[in-house]
Amino acid sequence: MASLADAPLGRITPYPERYDPRLLFRILRREQRDALGLGDALPFHGFDDWTAYELSWLDDNGKPQVGVAHLRIPCDSVALPESKSLKLYLGSLAHERLGSARSVADLVSRDLQEACGTAVTVAVVDAARFAELAIQPLQGICIDDEPIDTDTFHRDPGVLSWAGSELADESVHSSLFRSTCPITGQPDYGDVIVRYVGRQIDHPSLLGYLLSYRQHGAFHETCAENIFLDIMGRCSPARLTVHARFTRRGGLDINPFRSNFESASFPLLRTPRQ
C-alpha cells in the first residue's frame, strides 16, 4: 500500500485524457483512526457523503453530457479515496462514451467499491434534473452569535463544558468552522451540526471548541470523528450526532456524518454555501 506521501494531493499532476480507475488513491481509515485511539469497535456509525459538481462524459453519439454525482461511502469502509485522486478519476470520464447517467453511476460505484473495500452508493443527477438540487437552511439553533473571547486556534477539547444540570434534546450548528488540510495547509471551511440528548452543553464553550480547529490540520472525516469523540468524552451525552458540511474544493464537497443513534436515512442538506 502506498503511503500518503505518494498521493497526488499537493502535487502538480497532468489532467487525464482517458478513463483510468488506477487514478484512485486509497487512504486507509485505520491510519487516521489510530491517532484518535479508535479500535475496531467504532463508537459511532455513519458515512461520508461526497458531491461531485464537475462531472462530464459522452453519450453514445459522442455528445458531451454533464451531471452532479452523489457518493456515499460507509464510515466502516477499509479505505476512502484521496480527494484530488477522485477529482482526477472523475475527470478521466470526460472523453468516454458511457451513454446514460445511470451507466456513469454504475461504473463509478464499481470502481469506488474496489478502492474502498465496501459497497459505495452513487447517484448521478443529469442536467435535466438540476432543479432537484435544492438548497435548505440548517435546522436547529445557530450558536454563532454567542459572545466569546478566544485566542485558541488549535484543537482544544478542554474548553467544552456543561451549561448546568438541566437535560437537553437539541440540535445546534455553526457556520464558523475552519480547519486546514494536513498535506497542503489550505483552509477547509464548513458548517457543523451537533445534535445530542443529555446534560445541556454550554453553547459558548461549544462554539469556542469548534473555533479551536482554525489552525488544526486534519482531513474532513477525522475532524468530524474528533468532534464526536471530544464531545462524548467531555460532556457524555446519551445520544450524539455530528454532521459536517464542508464547502467544495476542486469541485468536490465532503460531508461526514457520525452518530450513535440516528440512522443513515438522516435527511441530508445542501447548504447555501454549497
C-alpha atoms as a PDB file:
ATOM      1  CA  MET A   1       0.000   0.000   0.000  1.00  0.00           C
ATOM      2  CA  ALA A   2       1.394   3.395  -0.994  1.00  0.00           C
ATOM      3  CA  SER A   3       1.881   5.984   1.749  1.00  0.00           C
ATOM      4  CA  LEU A   4       0.028   9.280   1.905  1.00  0.00           C
ATOM      5  CA  ALA A   5       3.217  10.996   0.752  1.00  0.00           C
ATOM      6  CA  ASP A   6       2.620   9.341  -2.644  1.00  0.00           C
ATOM      7  CA  ALA A   7      -0.859  10.862  -3.060  1.00  0.00           C
ATOM      8  CA  PRO A   8      -1.448  13.409  -5.840  1.00  0.00           C
ATOM      9  CA  LEU A   9      -2.659  15.978  -3.288  1.00  0.00           C
ATOM     10  CA  GLY A  10      -0.318  18.971  -3.228  1.00  0.00           C
ATOM     11  CA  ARG A  11       1.455  17.932  -6.437  1.00  0.00           C
ATOM     12  CA  ILE A  12       1.326  19.181  -9.992  1.00  0.00           C
ATOM     13  CA  THR A  13      -0.389  16.398 -11.911  1.00  0.00           C
ATOM     14  CA  PRO A  14      -1.462  16.192 -15.569  1.00  0.00           C
ATOM     15  CA  TYR A  15      -5.176  16.012 -16.247  1.00  0.00           C
ATOM     16  CA  PRO A  16      -6.093  12.557 -17.574  1.00  0.00           C
ATOM     17  CA  GLU A  17      -7.102  12.081 -21.181  1.00  0.00           C
ATOM     18  CA  ARG A  18      -8.787   8.679 -20.844  1.00  0.00           C
ATOM     19  CA  TYR A  19     -10.692   6.668 -18.267  1.00  0.00           C
ATOM     20  CA  ASP A  20      -8.350   5.207 -15.680  1.00  0.00           C
ATOM     21  CA  PRO A  21      -9.590   3.745 -12.344  1.00  0.00           C
ATOM     22  CA  ARG A  22      -5.950   3.397 -11.250  1.00  0.00           C
ATOM     23  CA  LEU A  23      -6.031   7.128 -10.558  1.00  0.00           C
ATOM     24  CA  LEU A  24      -7.986   6.449  -7.359  1.00  0.00           C
ATOM     25  CA  PHE A  25      -5.577   6.694  -4.406  1.00  0.00           C
ATOM     26  CA  ARG A  26      -6.679   4.808  -1.282  1.00  0.00           C
ATOM     27  CA  ILE A  27      -6.337   6.265   2.211  1.00  0.00           C
ATOM     28  CA  LEU A  28      -6.680   3.589   4.872  1.00  0.00           C
ATOM     29  CA  ARG A  29      -9.067   4.689   7.607  1.00  0.00           C
ATOM     30  CA  ARG A  30      -7.052   2.736  10.163  1.00  0.00           C
ATOM     31  CA  GLU A  31      -4.058   5.034   9.696  1.00  0.00           C
ATOM     32  CA  GLN A  32      -6.163   8.077  10.543  1.00  0.00           C
ATOM     33  CA  ARG A  33      -8.055   6.432  13.413  1.00  0.00           C
ATOM     34  CA  ASP A  34      -5.018   5.031  15.185  1.00  0.00           C
ATOM     35  CA  ALA A  35      -4.097   8.630  16.052  1.00  0.00           C
ATOM     36  CA  LEU A  36      -7.559   9.065  17.604  1.00  0.00           C
ATOM     37  CA  GLY A  37      -7.184   5.953  19.757  1.00  0.00           C
ATOM     38  CA  LEU A  38     -10.047   4.190  17.979  1.00  0.00           C
ATOM     39  CA  GLY A  39     -10.052   0.418  17.846  1.00  0.00           C
ATOM     40  CA  ASP A  40     -12.057  -1.910  15.656  1.00  0.00           C
ATOM     41  CA  ALA A  41     -15.299  -1.321  17.591  1.00  0.00           C
ATOM     42  CA  LEU A  42     -16.317   2.168  16.499  1.00  0.00           C
ATOM     43  CA  PRO A  43     -18.473   4.198  18.943  1.00  0.00           C
ATOM     44  CA  PHE A  44     -20.474   5.576  16.028  1.00  0.00           C
ATOM     45  CA  HIS A  45     -21.931   4.644  12.660  1.00  0.00           C
ATOM     46  CA  GLY A  46     -22.415   6.797   9.618  1.00  0.00           C
ATOM     47  CA  PHE A  47     -20.990   7.656   6.245  1.00  0.00           C
ATOM     48  CA  ASP A  48     -19.164  10.235   4.179  1.00  0.00           C
ATOM     49  CA  ASP A  49     -21.306  11.890   1.540  1.00  0.00           C
ATOM     50  CA  TRP A  50     -19.420  13.467  -1.339  1.00  0.00           C
ATOM     51  CA  THR A  51     -20.904  15.728  -4.004  1.00  0.00           C
ATOM     52  CA  ALA A  52     -19.024  15.996  -7.294  1.00  0.00           C
ATOM     53  CA  TYR A  53     -20.078  19.045  -9.282  1.00  0.00           C
ATOM     54  CA  GLU A  54     -17.521  18.723 -12.086  1.00  0.00           C
ATOM     55  CA  LEU A  55     -18.675  15.606 -13.921  1.00  0.00           C
ATOM     56  CA  SER A  56     -18.888  15.124 -17.673  1.00  0.00           C
ATOM     57  CA  TRP A  57     -18.980  12.210 -20.124  1.00  0.00           C
ATOM     58  CA  LEU A  58     -20.062  11.450 -23.703  1.00  0.00           C
ATOM     59  CA  ASP A  59     -23.332   9.894 -24.768  1.00  0.00           C
ATOM     60  CA  ASP A  60     -23.437   7.065 -27.282  1.00  0.00           C
ATOM     61  CA  ASN A  61     -23.161   9.567 -30.160  1.00  0.00           C
ATOM     62  CA  GLY A  62     -20.165  11.374 -28.694  1.00  0.00           C
ATOM     63  CA  LYS A  63     -22.129  14.397 -27.422  1.00  0.00           C
ATOM     64  CA  PRO A  64     -20.872  15.741 -24.062  1.00  0.00           C
ATOM     65  CA  GLN A  65     -23.175  15.344 -21.060  1.00  0.00           C
ATOM     66  CA  VAL A  66     -22.882  16.887 -17.590  1.00  0.00           C
ATOM     67  CA  GLY A  67     -24.121  15.853 -14.195  1.00  0.00           C
ATOM     68  CA  VAL A  68     -23.689  16.093 -10.438  1.00  0.00           C
ATOM     69  CA  ALA A  69     -22.715  12.910  -8.617  1.00  0.00           C
ATOM     70  CA  HIS A  70     -23.656  11.999  -5.058  1.00  0.00           C
ATOM     71  CA  LEU A  71     -21.378   9.397  -3.466  1.00  0.00           C
ATOM     72  CA  ARG A  72     -21.997   7.719  -0.113  1.00  0.00           C
ATOM     73  CA  ILE A  73     -19.088   5.829   1.473  1.00  0.00           C
ATOM     74  CA  PRO A  74     -19.839   3.953   4.730  1.00  0.00           C
ATOM     75  CA  CYS A  75     -17.656   5.082   7.627  1.00  0.00           C
ATOM     76  CA  ASP A  76     -16.630   1.489   8.330  1.00  0.00           C
ATOM     77  CA  SER A  77     -15.073   1.068   4.891  1.00  0.00           C
ATOM     78  CA  VAL A  78     -11.475  -0.131   4.812  1.00  0.00           C
ATOM     79  CA  ALA A  79     -10.382   2.917   2.824  1.00  0.00           C
ATOM     80  CA  LEU A  80     -11.588   6.124   1.253  1.00  0.00           C
ATOM     81  CA  PRO A  81     -10.356   7.913  -1.862  1.00  0.00           C
ATOM     82  CA  GLU A  82      -7.976  10.833  -1.526  1.00  0.00           C
ATOM     83  CA  SER A  83      -9.933  13.845  -2.781  1.00  0.00           C
ATOM     84  CA  LYS A  84      -7.647  15.005  -5.578  1.00  0.00           C
ATOM     85  CA  SER A  85      -7.337  11.472  -6.897  1.00  0.00           C
ATOM     86  CA  LEU A  86     -11.138  11.262  -7.028  1.00  0.00           C
ATOM     87  CA  LYS A  87     -11.258  14.529  -8.958  1.00  0.00           C
ATOM     88  CA  LEU A  88      -8.694  13.193 -11.446  1.00  0.00           C
ATOM     89  CA  TYR A  89     -10.542   9.892 -11.753  1.00  0.00           C
ATOM     90  CA  LEU A  90     -13.876  11.603 -12.445  1.00  0.00           C
ATOM     91  CA  GLY A  91     -12.107  13.863 -14.919  1.00  0.00           C
ATOM     92  CA  SER A  92     -10.902  10.783 -16.787  1.00  0.00           C
ATOM     93  CA  LEU A  93     -14.517  10.065 -17.806  1.00  0.00           C
ATOM     94  CA  ALA A  94     -14.795  13.233 -19.915  1.00  0.00           C
ATOM     95  CA  HIS A  95     -13.915  11.564 -23.233  1.00  0.00           C
ATOM     96  CA  GLU A  96     -15.608   8.213 -22.639  1.00  0.00           C
ATOM     97  CA  ARG A  97     -18.822   7.153 -24.398  1.00  0.00           C
ATOM     98  CA  LEU A  98     -20.798   5.989 -21.391  1.00  0.00           C
ATOM     99  CA  GLY A  99     -24.331   6.674 -22.542  1.00  0.00           C
ATOM    100  CA  SER A 100     -26.686   7.488 -19.668  1.00  0.00           C
ATOM    101  CA  ALA A 101     -26.211   8.946 -16.195  1.00  0.00           C
ATOM    102  CA  ARG A 102     -27.168   5.507 -14.856  1.00  0.00           C
ATOM    103  CA  SER A 103     -24.248   3.923 -16.712  1.00  0.00           C
ATOM    104  CA  VAL A 104     -21.886   6.520 -15.256  1.00  0.00           C
ATOM    105  CA  ALA A 105     -23.192   5.847 -11.741  1.00  0.00           C
ATOM    106  CA  ASP A 106     -22.766   2.096 -12.144  1.00  0.00           C
ATOM    107  CA  LEU A 107     -19.179   2.476 -13.367  1.00  0.00           C
ATOM    108  CA  VAL A 108     -18.166   4.891 -10.592  1.00  0.00           C
ATOM    109  CA  SER A 109     -19.850   2.712  -7.954  1.00  0.00           C
ATOM    110  CA  ARG A 110     -17.935  -0.356  -9.164  1.00  0.00           C
ATOM    111  CA  ASP A 111     -14.581   1.424  -9.165  1.00  0.00           C
ATOM    112  CA  LEU A 112     -15.116   3.019  -5.750  1.00  0.00           C
ATOM    113  CA  GLN A 113     -16.179  -0.324  -4.292  1.00  0.00           C
ATOM    114  CA  GLU A 114     -12.857  -1.749  -5.437  1.00  0.00           C
ATOM    115  CA  ALA A 115     -10.941   1.193  -3.962  1.00  0.00           C
ATOM    116  CA  CYS A 116     -12.832   1.438  -0.659  1.00  0.00           C
ATOM    117  CA  GLY A 117     -13.354  -2.245   0.038  1.00  0.00           C
ATOM    118  CA  THR A 118     -17.109  -1.913   0.504  1.00  0.00           C
ATOM    119  CA  ALA A 119     -20.261  -1.115  -1.434  1.00  0.00           C
ATOM    120  CA  VAL A 120     -20.480   2.584  -2.343  1.00  0.00           C
ATOM    121  CA  THR A 121     -23.782   4.187  -3.323  1.00  0.00           C
ATOM    122  CA  VAL A 122     -23.572   6.502  -6.344  1.00  0.00           C
ATOM    123  CA  ALA A 123     -26.343   8.579  -7.908  1.00  0.00           C
ATOM    124  CA  VAL A 124     -25.830  10.934 -10.856  1.00  0.00           C
ATOM    125  CA  VAL A 125     -28.212  13.836 -11.398  1.00  0.00           C
ATOM    126  CA  ASP A 126     -28.152  14.806 -15.072  1.00  0.00           C
ATOM    127  CA  ALA A 127     -28.762  18.290 -16.468  1.00  0.00           C
ATOM    128  CA  ALA A 128     -32.494  17.700 -16.917  1.00  0.00           C
ATOM    129  CA  ARG A 129     -32.843  17.222 -13.144  1.00  0.00           C
ATOM    130  CA  PHE A 130     -30.606  20.000 -11.807  1.00  0.00           C
ATOM    131  CA  ALA A 131     -33.661  21.707 -10.285  1.00  0.00           C
ATOM    132  CA  GLU A 132     -33.722  18.860  -7.733  1.00  0.00           C
ATOM    133  CA  LEU A 133     -30.508  20.198  -6.189  1.00  0.00           C
ATOM    134  CA  ALA A 134     -32.426  22.400  -3.785  1.00  0.00           C
ATOM    135  CA  ILE A 135     -30.779  24.446  -1.047  1.00  0.00           C
ATOM    136  CA  GLN A 136     -32.040  24.041   2.519  1.00  0.00           C
ATOM    137  CA  PRO A 137     -31.266  26.133   5.592  1.00  0.00           C
ATOM    138  CA  LEU A 138     -29.633  24.489   8.582  1.00  0.00           C
ATOM    139  CA  GLN A 139     -32.132  23.392  11.215  1.00  0.00           C
ATOM    140  CA  GLY A 140     -31.812  24.000  14.934  1.00  0.00           C
ATOM    141  CA  ILE A 141     -30.097  26.704  16.981  1.00  0.00           C
ATOM    142  CA  CYS A 142     -27.285  28.750  15.459  1.00  0.00           C
ATOM    143  CA  ILE A 143     -24.604  29.392  18.102  1.00  0.00           C
ATOM    144  CA  ASP A 144     -22.507  31.777  16.012  1.00  0.00           C
ATOM    145  CA  ASP A 145     -23.709  34.875  17.879  1.00  0.00           C
ATOM    146  CA  GLU A 146     -22.679  33.549  21.284  1.00  0.00           C
ATOM    147  CA  PRO A 147     -20.313  36.061  22.958  1.00  0.00           C
ATOM    148  CA  ILE A 148     -16.866  34.558  23.404  1.00  0.00           C
ATOM    149  CA  ASP A 149     -13.322  35.853  23.754  1.00  0.00           C
ATOM    150  CA  THR A 150     -10.757  33.403  22.428  1.00  0.00           C
ATOM    151  CA  ASP A 151      -7.262  33.154  21.055  1.00  0.00           C
ATOM    152  CA  THR A 152      -7.222  29.341  20.961  1.00  0.00           C
ATOM    153  CA  PHE A 153      -6.948  28.173  17.367  1.00  0.00           C
ATOM    154  CA  HIS A 154      -5.552  24.687  17.824  1.00  0.00           C
ATOM    155  CA  ARG A 155      -7.988  21.919  18.781  1.00  0.00           C
ATOM    156  CA  ASP A 156      -8.750  22.181  22.498  1.00  0.00           C
ATOM    157  CA  PRO A 157     -11.467  19.891  23.915  1.00  0.00           C
ATOM    158  CA  GLY A 158     -10.739  21.335  27.360  1.00  0.00           C
ATOM    159  CA  VAL A 159     -12.908  24.361  26.630  1.00  0.00           C
ATOM    160  CA  LEU A 160     -16.078  22.220  26.423  1.00  0.00           C
ATOM    161  CA  SER A 161     -18.350  22.451  29.465  1.00  0.00           C
ATOM    162  CA  TRP A 162     -21.921  21.932  30.599  1.00  0.00           C
ATOM    163  CA  ALA A 163     -24.400  24.780  30.971  1.00  0.00           C
ATOM    164  CA  GLY A 164     -25.904  23.309  34.137  1.00  0.00           C
ATOM    165  CA  SER A 165     -27.713  20.204  35.291  1.00  0.00           C
ATOM    166  CA  GLU A 166     -30.743  20.508  33.011  1.00  0.00           C
ATOM    167  CA  LEU A 167     -31.226  17.865  30.329  1.00  0.00           C
ATOM    168  CA  ALA A 168     -31.484  18.915  26.700  1.00  0.00           C
ATOM    169  CA  ASP A 169     -32.603  17.395  23.419  1.00  0.00           C
ATOM    170  CA  GLU A 170     -31.393  19.869  20.842  1.00  0.00           C
ATOM    171  CA  SER A 171     -29.704  20.457  17.517  1.00  0.00           C
ATOM    172  CA  VAL A 172     -27.187  23.294  17.251  1.00  0.00           C
ATOM    173  CA  HIS A 173     -24.965  24.414  14.406  1.00  0.00           C
ATOM    174  CA  SER A 174     -22.145  26.761  13.492  1.00  0.00           C
ATOM    175  CA  SER A 175     -21.007  28.116  10.141  1.00  0.00           C
ATOM    176  CA  LEU A 176     -17.706  29.415  11.543  1.00  0.00           C
ATOM    177  CA  PHE A 177     -15.785  26.146  11.349  1.00  0.00           C
ATOM    178  CA  ARG A 178     -12.386  26.151   9.706  1.00  0.00           C
ATOM    179  CA  SER A 179      -9.590  23.579   9.702  1.00  0.00           C
ATOM    180  CA  THR A 180      -6.611  23.038   7.429  1.00  0.00           C
ATOM    181  CA  CYS A 181      -5.557  20.282   5.062  1.00  0.00           C
ATOM    182  CA  PRO A 182      -2.795  18.237   6.728  1.00  0.00           C
ATOM    183  CA  ILE A 183      -0.952  17.904   3.407  1.00  0.00           C
ATOM    184  CA  THR A 184      -1.225  21.312   1.733  1.00  0.00           C
ATOM    185  CA  GLY A 185      -2.112  23.575   4.654  1.00  0.00           C
ATOM    186  CA  GLN A 186      -5.007  25.042   2.641  1.00  0.00           C
ATOM    187  CA  PRO A 187      -8.078  26.075   4.663  1.00  0.00           C
ATOM    188  CA  ASP A 188     -11.230  23.975   4.755  1.00  0.00           C
ATOM    189  CA  TYR A 189     -14.496  25.735   5.632  1.00  0.00           C
ATOM    190  CA  GLY A 190     -17.761  24.170   6.656  1.00  0.00           C
ATOM    191  CA  ASP A 191     -20.924  24.070   8.719  1.00  0.00           C
ATOM    192  CA  VAL A 192     -21.003  21.747  11.727  1.00  0.00           C
ATOM    193  CA  ILE A 193     -24.270  20.405  13.112  1.00  0.00           C
ATOM    194  CA  VAL A 194     -24.362  18.807  16.568  1.00  0.00           C
ATOM    195  CA  ARG A 195     -27.478  17.008  17.738  1.00  0.00           C
ATOM    196  CA  TYR A 196     -27.485  15.457  21.193  1.00  0.00           C
ATOM    197  CA  VAL A 197     -29.580  14.260  24.102  1.00  0.00           C
ATOM    198  CA  GLY A 198     -28.094  14.685  27.546  1.00  0.00           C
ATOM    199  CA  ARG A 199     -26.959  17.270  30.062  1.00  0.00           C
ATOM    200  CA  GLN A 200     -27.081  20.644  28.329  1.00  0.00           C
ATOM    201  CA  ILE A 201     -23.815  21.692  26.711  1.00  0.00           C
ATOM    202  CA  ASP A 202     -22.783  25.297  27.210  1.00  0.00           C
ATOM    203  CA  HIS A 203     -23.209  26.946  23.818  1.00  0.00           C
ATOM    204  CA  PRO A 204     -20.339  29.468  24.109  1.00  0.00           C
ATOM    205  CA  SER A 205     -17.986  26.660  25.121  1.00  0.00           C
ATOM    206  CA  LEU A 206     -19.113  24.532  22.162  1.00  0.00           C
ATOM    207  CA  LEU A 207     -18.547  27.460  19.798  1.00  0.00           C
ATOM    208  CA  GLY A 208     -15.114  28.097  21.300  1.00  0.00           C
ATOM    209  CA  TYR A 209     -14.270  24.431  20.862  1.00  0.00           C
ATOM    210  CA  LEU A 210     -15.285  24.429  17.192  1.00  0.00           C
ATOM    211  CA  LEU A 211     -13.297  27.619  16.586  1.00  0.00           C
ATOM    212  CA  SER A 212     -10.225  25.964  18.099  1.00  0.00           C
ATOM    213  CA  TYR A 213      -9.882  23.904  14.908  1.00  0.00           C
ATOM    214  CA  ARG A 214      -8.989  27.012  12.929  1.00  0.00           C
ATOM    215  CA  GLN A 215      -5.325  26.039  12.572  1.00  0.00           C
ATOM    216  CA  HIS A 216      -5.787  22.321  13.163  1.00  0.00           C
ATOM    217  CA  GLY A 217      -4.560  20.099  10.339  1.00  0.00           C
ATOM    218  CA  ALA A 218      -6.815  17.106   9.694  1.00  0.00           C
ATOM    219  CA  PHE A 219      -8.936  15.597   6.950  1.00  0.00           C
ATOM    220  CA  HIS A 220     -12.680  16.323   6.957  1.00  0.00           C
ATOM    221  CA  GLU A 221     -13.588  12.843   8.179  1.00  0.00           C
ATOM    222  CA  THR A 222     -11.061  12.973  11.022  1.00  0.00           C
ATOM    223  CA  CYS A 223     -12.351  16.366  12.132  1.00  0.00           C
ATOM    224  CA  ALA A 224     -15.893  15.001  12.409  1.00  0.00           C
ATOM    225  CA  GLU A 225     -14.726  11.951  14.343  1.00  0.00           C
ATOM    226  CA  ASN A 226     -12.584  14.084  16.645  1.00  0.00           C
ATOM    227  CA  ILE A 227     -15.550  16.341  17.390  1.00  0.00           C
ATOM    228  CA  PHE A 228     -17.714  13.324  18.161  1.00  0.00           C
ATOM    229  CA  LEU A 229     -15.112  11.793  20.476  1.00  0.00           C
ATOM    230  CA  ASP A 230     -14.332  15.064  22.268  1.00  0.00           C
ATOM    231  CA  ILE A 231     -17.968  15.929  22.939  1.00  0.00           C
ATOM    232  CA  MET A 232     -18.639  12.388  24.103  1.00  0.00           C
ATOM    233  CA  GLY A 233     -15.541  12.387  26.292  1.00  0.00           C
ATOM    234  CA  ARG A 234     -16.109  15.787  27.889  1.00  0.00           C
ATOM    235  CA  CYS A 235     -19.914  16.020  28.049  1.00  0.00           C
ATOM    236  CA  SER A 236     -21.109  12.371  27.949  1.00  0.00           C
ATOM    237  CA  PRO A 237     -24.410  12.803  26.102  1.00  0.00           C
ATOM    238  CA  ALA A 238     -26.589   9.708  25.882  1.00  0.00           C
ATOM    239  CA  ARG A 239     -27.098  10.343  22.170  1.00  0.00           C
ATOM    240  CA  LEU A 240     -24.893  12.261  19.799  1.00  0.00           C
ATOM    241  CA  THR A 241     -24.708  13.102  16.110  1.00  0.00           C
ATOM    242  CA  VAL A 242     -22.020  15.169  14.403  1.00  0.00           C
ATOM    243  CA  HIS A 243     -22.705  16.171  10.812  1.00  0.00           C
ATOM    244  CA  ALA A 244     -20.199  18.371   8.971  1.00  0.00           C
ATOM    245  CA  ARG A 245     -20.990  20.013   5.630  1.00  0.00           C
ATOM    246  CA  PHE A 246     -17.772  21.321   4.057  1.00  0.00           C
ATOM    247  CA  THR A 247     -17.638  23.765   1.182  1.00  0.00           C
ATOM    248  CA  ARG A 248     -16.335  22.447  -2.090  1.00  0.00           C
ATOM    249  CA  ARG A 249     -12.724  22.415  -3.215  1.00  0.00           C
ATOM    250  CA  GLY A 250     -11.774  21.161  -6.661  1.00  0.00           C
ATOM    251  CA  GLY A 251     -15.447  20.677  -7.492  1.00  0.00           C
ATOM    252  CA  LEU A 252     -15.995  18.323  -4.528  1.00  0.00           C
ATOM    253  CA  ASP A 253     -17.653  18.805  -1.177  1.00  0.00           C
ATOM    254  CA  ILE A 254     -17.282  16.226   1.610  1.00  0.00           C
ATOM    255  CA  ASN A 255     -19.902  15.750   4.291  1.00  0.00           C
ATOM    256  CA  PRO A 256     -19.094  13.324   7.131  1.00  0.00           C
ATOM    257  CA  PHE A 257     -21.964  12.059   9.288  1.00  0.00           C
ATOM    258  CA  ARG A 258     -21.279  10.273  12.594  1.00  0.00           C
ATOM    259  CA  SER A 259     -23.932   9.208  15.105  1.00  0.00           C
ATOM    260  CA  ASN A 260     -24.592   6.704  17.853  1.00  0.00           C
ATOM    261  CA  PHE A 261     -28.363   6.794  17.441  1.00  0.00           C
ATOM    262  CA  GLU A 262     -29.537   8.206  14.096  1.00  0.00           C
ATOM    263  CA  SER A 263     -29.624   6.026  11.027  1.00  0.00           C
ATOM    264  CA  ALA A 264     -28.150   6.550   7.586  1.00  0.00           C
ATOM    265  CA  SER A 265     -31.590   7.696   6.440  1.00  0.00           C
ATOM    266  CA  PHE A 266     -30.951  11.012   8.211  1.00  0.00           C
ATOM    267  CA  PRO A 267     -32.096  13.702   5.732  1.00  0.00           C
ATOM    268  CA  LEU A 268     -29.150  15.375   4.079  1.00  0.00           C
ATOM    269  CA  LEU A 269     -28.836  19.047   3.310  1.00  0.00           C
ATOM    270  CA  ARG A 270     -27.332  21.176   0.595  1.00  0.00           C
ATOM    271  CA  THR A 271     -26.498  24.351   2.456  1.00  0.00           C
ATOM    272  CA  PRO A 272     -26.475  27.846   0.906  1.00  0.00           C
ATOM    273  CA  ARG A 273     -22.647  27.711   0.951  1.00  0.00           C
ATOM    274  CA  GLN A 274     -22.647  24.536  -1.120  1.00  0.00           C
END
